[in-house]
Amino acid sequence: MGELIGSLFLLGGAIFLFSAGLGVLRMPDTYNRIQTGTKATTLGTILILVGLAFLHPAWTFKLIILIFFVMLTNPVSSHALARAAHAIGTAETESTVIDVLDNPGEEATKEPQPGGKAT
């Protein structure tokens, strides 16, 4: 029974990792690609590590440490990549309505202008 559950977790993780790859290919701009890749790969990696824990119970403690490491580093690296892309002036897609980092002193709740940017 443990092998079946572990295999299902591995399959689920592989599906999420595959969807992350598709998301990186299909998203319109850098920021969406970063977000898609980070969220799906984080969940896919965690599912694979949980599946391995079911398949190899002796590795469970080490795999829990790896899960903690993935949950800690993936969002931080995603944030750093997005901030660096914004700092060098990487453009958003036209459908982006609000750029909070463009005017950090202004509120993000203002109404968007017809051109697609908030003022």
C-alpha atoms as a PDB file:
ATOM      1  CA  MET A   1       0.000   0.000   0.000  1.00  0.00           C
ATOM      2  CA  GLY A   2       2.894   2.377   0.765  1.00  0.00           C
ATOM      3  CA  GLU A   3       4.323   1.822  -2.708  1.00  0.00           C
ATOM      4  CA  LEU A   4       1.013   2.747  -4.334  1.00  0.00           C
ATOM      5  CA  ILE A   5       0.638   5.924  -2.278  1.00  0.00           C
ATOM      6  CA  GLY A   6       4.268   6.853  -2.917  1.00  0.00           C
ATOM      7  CA  SER A   7       3.853   6.272  -6.640  1.00  0.00           C
ATOM      8  CA  LEU A   8       0.743   8.451  -6.720  1.00  0.00           C
ATOM      9  CA  PHE A   9       2.613  11.264  -4.989  1.00  0.00           C
ATOM     10  CA  LEU A  10       5.471  10.877  -7.475  1.00  0.00           C
ATOM     11  CA  LEU A  11       3.025  11.015 -10.371  1.00  0.00           C
ATOM     12  CA  GLY A  12       1.317  14.099  -8.943  1.00  0.00           C
ATOM     13  CA  GLY A  13       4.682  15.804  -8.471  1.00  0.00           C
ATOM     14  CA  ALA A  14       5.707  14.970 -12.022  1.00  0.00           C
ATOM     15  CA  ILE A  15       2.450  16.448 -13.334  1.00  0.00           C
ATOM     16  CA  PHE A  16       3.029  19.688 -11.434  1.00  0.00           C
ATOM     17  CA  LEU A  17       6.631  19.903 -12.630  1.00  0.00           C
ATOM     18  CA  PHE A  18       5.467  19.322 -16.208  1.00  0.00           C
ATOM     19  CA  SER A  19       2.825  22.034 -15.832  1.00  0.00           C
ATOM     20  CA  ALA A  20       5.523  24.382 -14.525  1.00  0.00           C
ATOM     21  CA  GLY A  21       7.502  23.815 -17.694  1.00  0.00           C
ATOM     22  CA  LEU A  22       4.434  24.489 -19.828  1.00  0.00           C
ATOM     23  CA  GLY A  23       3.636  27.587 -17.808  1.00  0.00           C
ATOM     24  CA  VAL A  24       7.114  28.992 -18.344  1.00  0.00           C
ATOM     25  CA  LEU A  25       6.702  28.485 -22.085  1.00  0.00           C
ATOM     26  CA  ARG A  26       3.174  29.909 -22.319  1.00  0.00           C
ATOM     27  CA  MET A  27       3.145  32.909 -19.981  1.00  0.00           C
ATOM     28  CA  PRO A  28       3.342  36.344 -21.633  1.00  0.00           C
ATOM     29  CA  ASP A  29       6.064  38.059 -19.603  1.00  0.00           C
ATOM     30  CA  THR A  30       8.962  37.477 -17.251  1.00  0.00           C
ATOM     31  CA  TYR A  31       7.024  38.116 -14.055  1.00  0.00           C
ATOM     32  CA  ASN A  32       4.298  35.610 -14.887  1.00  0.00           C
ATOM     33  CA  ARG A  33       6.920  33.052 -15.884  1.00  0.00           C
ATOM     34  CA  ILE A  34       8.716  33.473 -12.568  1.00  0.00           C
ATOM     35  CA  GLN A  35       5.461  33.083 -10.624  1.00  0.00           C
ATOM     36  CA  THR A  36       4.321  30.045 -12.606  1.00  0.00           C
ATOM     37  CA  GLY A  37       7.650  28.316 -12.361  1.00  0.00           C
ATOM     38  CA  THR A  38       8.051  28.947  -8.658  1.00  0.00           C
ATOM     39  CA  LYS A  39       4.605  27.895  -7.427  1.00  0.00           C
ATOM     40  CA  ALA A  40       4.291  24.767  -9.557  1.00  0.00           C
ATOM     41  CA  THR A  41       7.858  23.601  -9.016  1.00  0.00           C
ATOM     42  CA  THR A  42       7.577  24.115  -5.266  1.00  0.00           C
ATOM     43  CA  LEU A  43       4.459  21.961  -5.051  1.00  0.00           C
ATOM     44  CA  GLY A  44       5.822  19.402  -7.540  1.00  0.00           C
ATOM     45  CA  THR A  45       9.087  19.039  -5.658  1.00  0.00           C
ATOM     46  CA  ILE A  46       7.294  18.667  -2.325  1.00  0.00           C
ATOM     47  CA  LEU A  47       4.984  15.988  -3.746  1.00  0.00           C
ATOM     48  CA  ILE A  48       7.953  14.076  -5.121  1.00  0.00           C
ATOM     49  CA  LEU A  49       9.758  14.257  -1.780  1.00  0.00           C
ATOM     50  CA  VAL A  50       6.629  13.043   0.043  1.00  0.00           C
ATOM     51  CA  GLY A  51       6.356  10.191  -2.463  1.00  0.00           C
ATOM     52  CA  LEU A  52       9.960   9.253  -1.792  1.00  0.00           C
ATOM     53  CA  ALA A  53       9.241   9.297   1.937  1.00  0.00           C
ATOM     54  CA  PHE A  54       6.501   6.700   1.380  1.00  0.00           C
ATOM     55  CA  LEU A  55       8.768   4.581  -0.824  1.00  0.00           C
ATOM     56  CA  HIS A  56      11.810   4.827   1.484  1.00  0.00           C
ATOM     57  CA  PRO A  57      10.656   5.344   5.097  1.00  0.00           C
ATOM     58  CA  ALA A  58      14.244   5.409   6.368  1.00  0.00           C
ATOM     59  CA  TRP A  59      14.823   8.662   4.465  1.00  0.00           C
ATOM     60  CA  THR A  60      11.819  10.484   5.933  1.00  0.00           C
ATOM     61  CA  PHE A  61      13.706  12.811   8.284  1.00  0.00           C
ATOM     62  CA  LYS A  62      16.138  13.884   5.548  1.00  0.00           C
ATOM     63  CA  LEU A  63      13.266  14.422   3.132  1.00  0.00           C
ATOM     64  CA  ILE A  64      11.417  16.592   5.666  1.00  0.00           C
ATOM     65  CA  ILE A  65      14.533  18.748   5.929  1.00  0.00           C
ATOM     66  CA  LEU A  66      14.598  19.013   2.131  1.00  0.00           C
ATOM     67  CA  ILE A  67      10.908  19.990   2.058  1.00  0.00           C
ATOM     68  CA  PHE A  68      11.599  22.733   4.597  1.00  0.00           C
ATOM     69  CA  PHE A  69      14.560  23.925   2.511  1.00  0.00           C
ATOM     70  CA  VAL A  70      12.464  24.026  -0.681  1.00  0.00           C
ATOM     71  CA  MET A  71       9.644  25.900   1.047  1.00  0.00           C
ATOM     72  CA  LEU A  72      12.133  28.413   2.399  1.00  0.00           C
ATOM     73  CA  THR A  73      14.282  29.030  -0.682  1.00  0.00           C
ATOM     74  CA  ASN A  74      11.892  28.900  -3.659  1.00  0.00           C
ATOM     75  CA  PRO A  75       9.755  31.919  -2.691  1.00  0.00           C
ATOM     76  CA  VAL A  76      12.842  33.916  -1.707  1.00  0.00           C
ATOM     77  CA  SER A  77      14.574  33.201  -5.005  1.00  0.00           C
ATOM     78  CA  SER A  78      11.406  34.030  -6.931  1.00  0.00           C
ATOM     79  CA  HIS A  79      11.118  37.343  -5.123  1.00  0.00           C
ATOM     80  CA  ALA A  80      14.773  38.160  -5.804  1.00  0.00           C
ATOM     81  CA  LEU A  81      14.406  37.346  -9.508  1.00  0.00           C
ATOM     82  CA  ALA A  82      11.278  39.478  -9.845  1.00  0.00           C
ATOM     83  CA  ARG A  83      12.869  42.437  -8.036  1.00  0.00           C
ATOM     84  CA  ALA A  84      15.995  42.170 -10.198  1.00  0.00           C
ATOM     85  CA  ALA A  85      13.902  42.009 -13.377  1.00  0.00           C
ATOM     86  CA  HIS A  86      11.992  45.109 -12.266  1.00  0.00           C
ATOM     87  CA  ALA A  87      15.198  46.929 -11.329  1.00  0.00           C
ATOM     88  CA  ILE A  88      16.692  46.477 -14.808  1.00  0.00           C
ATOM     89  CA  GLY A  89      13.464  47.626 -16.425  1.00  0.00           C
ATOM     90  CA  THR A  90      11.983  44.419 -17.785  1.00  0.00           C
ATOM     91  CA  ALA A  91       8.609  45.379 -19.206  1.00  0.00           C
ATOM     92  CA  GLU A  92       5.325  43.842 -18.127  1.00  0.00           C
ATOM     93  CA  THR A  93       2.740  42.579 -20.545  1.00  0.00           C
ATOM     94  CA  GLU A  94       0.105  45.050 -21.725  1.00  0.00           C
ATOM     95  CA  SER A  95      -2.569  43.380 -19.582  1.00  0.00           C
ATOM     96  CA  THR A  96      -0.732  44.262 -16.353  1.00  0.00           C
ATOM     97  CA  VAL A  97      -2.895  46.858 -14.658  1.00  0.00           C
ATOM     98  CA  ILE A  98      -0.981  47.914 -11.549  1.00  0.00           C
ATOM     99  CA  ASP A  99       2.753  48.179 -10.980  1.00  0.00           C
ATOM    100  CA  VAL A 100       3.142  48.751  -7.244  1.00  0.00           C
ATOM    101  CA  LEU A 101       6.918  49.061  -7.439  1.00  0.00           C
ATOM    102  CA  ASP A 102       6.758  51.788 -10.090  1.00  0.00           C
ATOM    103  CA  ASN A 103       5.502  54.375  -7.581  1.00  0.00           C
ATOM    104  CA  PRO A 104       6.154  52.913  -4.122  1.00  0.00           C
ATOM    105  CA  GLY A 105       4.695  55.911  -2.258  1.00  0.00           C
ATOM    106  CA  GLU A 106       1.268  55.589  -3.879  1.00  0.00           C
ATOM    107  CA  GLU A 107      -1.478  53.200  -2.917  1.00  0.00           C
ATOM    108  CA  ALA A 108      -2.137  50.121  -5.045  1.00  0.00           C
ATOM    109  CA  THR A 109      -5.894  50.613  -4.804  1.00  0.00           C
ATOM    110  CA  LYS A 110      -6.146  53.446  -7.311  1.00  0.00           C
ATOM    111  CA  GLU A 111      -8.223  52.969 -10.429  1.00  0.00           C
ATOM    112  CA  PRO A 112      -6.263  51.919 -13.532  1.00  0.00           C
ATOM    113  CA  GLN A 113      -6.021  54.319 -16.458  1.00  0.00           C
ATOM    114  CA  PRO A 114      -7.290  53.289 -19.910  1.00  0.00           C
ATOM    115  CA  GLY A 115      -3.685  52.775 -21.109  1.00  0.00           C
ATOM    116  CA  GLY A 116      -3.214  49.907 -18.655  1.00  0.00           C
ATOM    117  CA  LYS A 117      -1.109  51.662 -16.014  1.00  0.00           C
ATOM    118  CA  ALA A 118      -2.213  52.971 -12.625  1.00  0.00           C
ATOM    119  CA  THR A 119      -1.383  56.516 -11.709  1.00  0.00           C
END
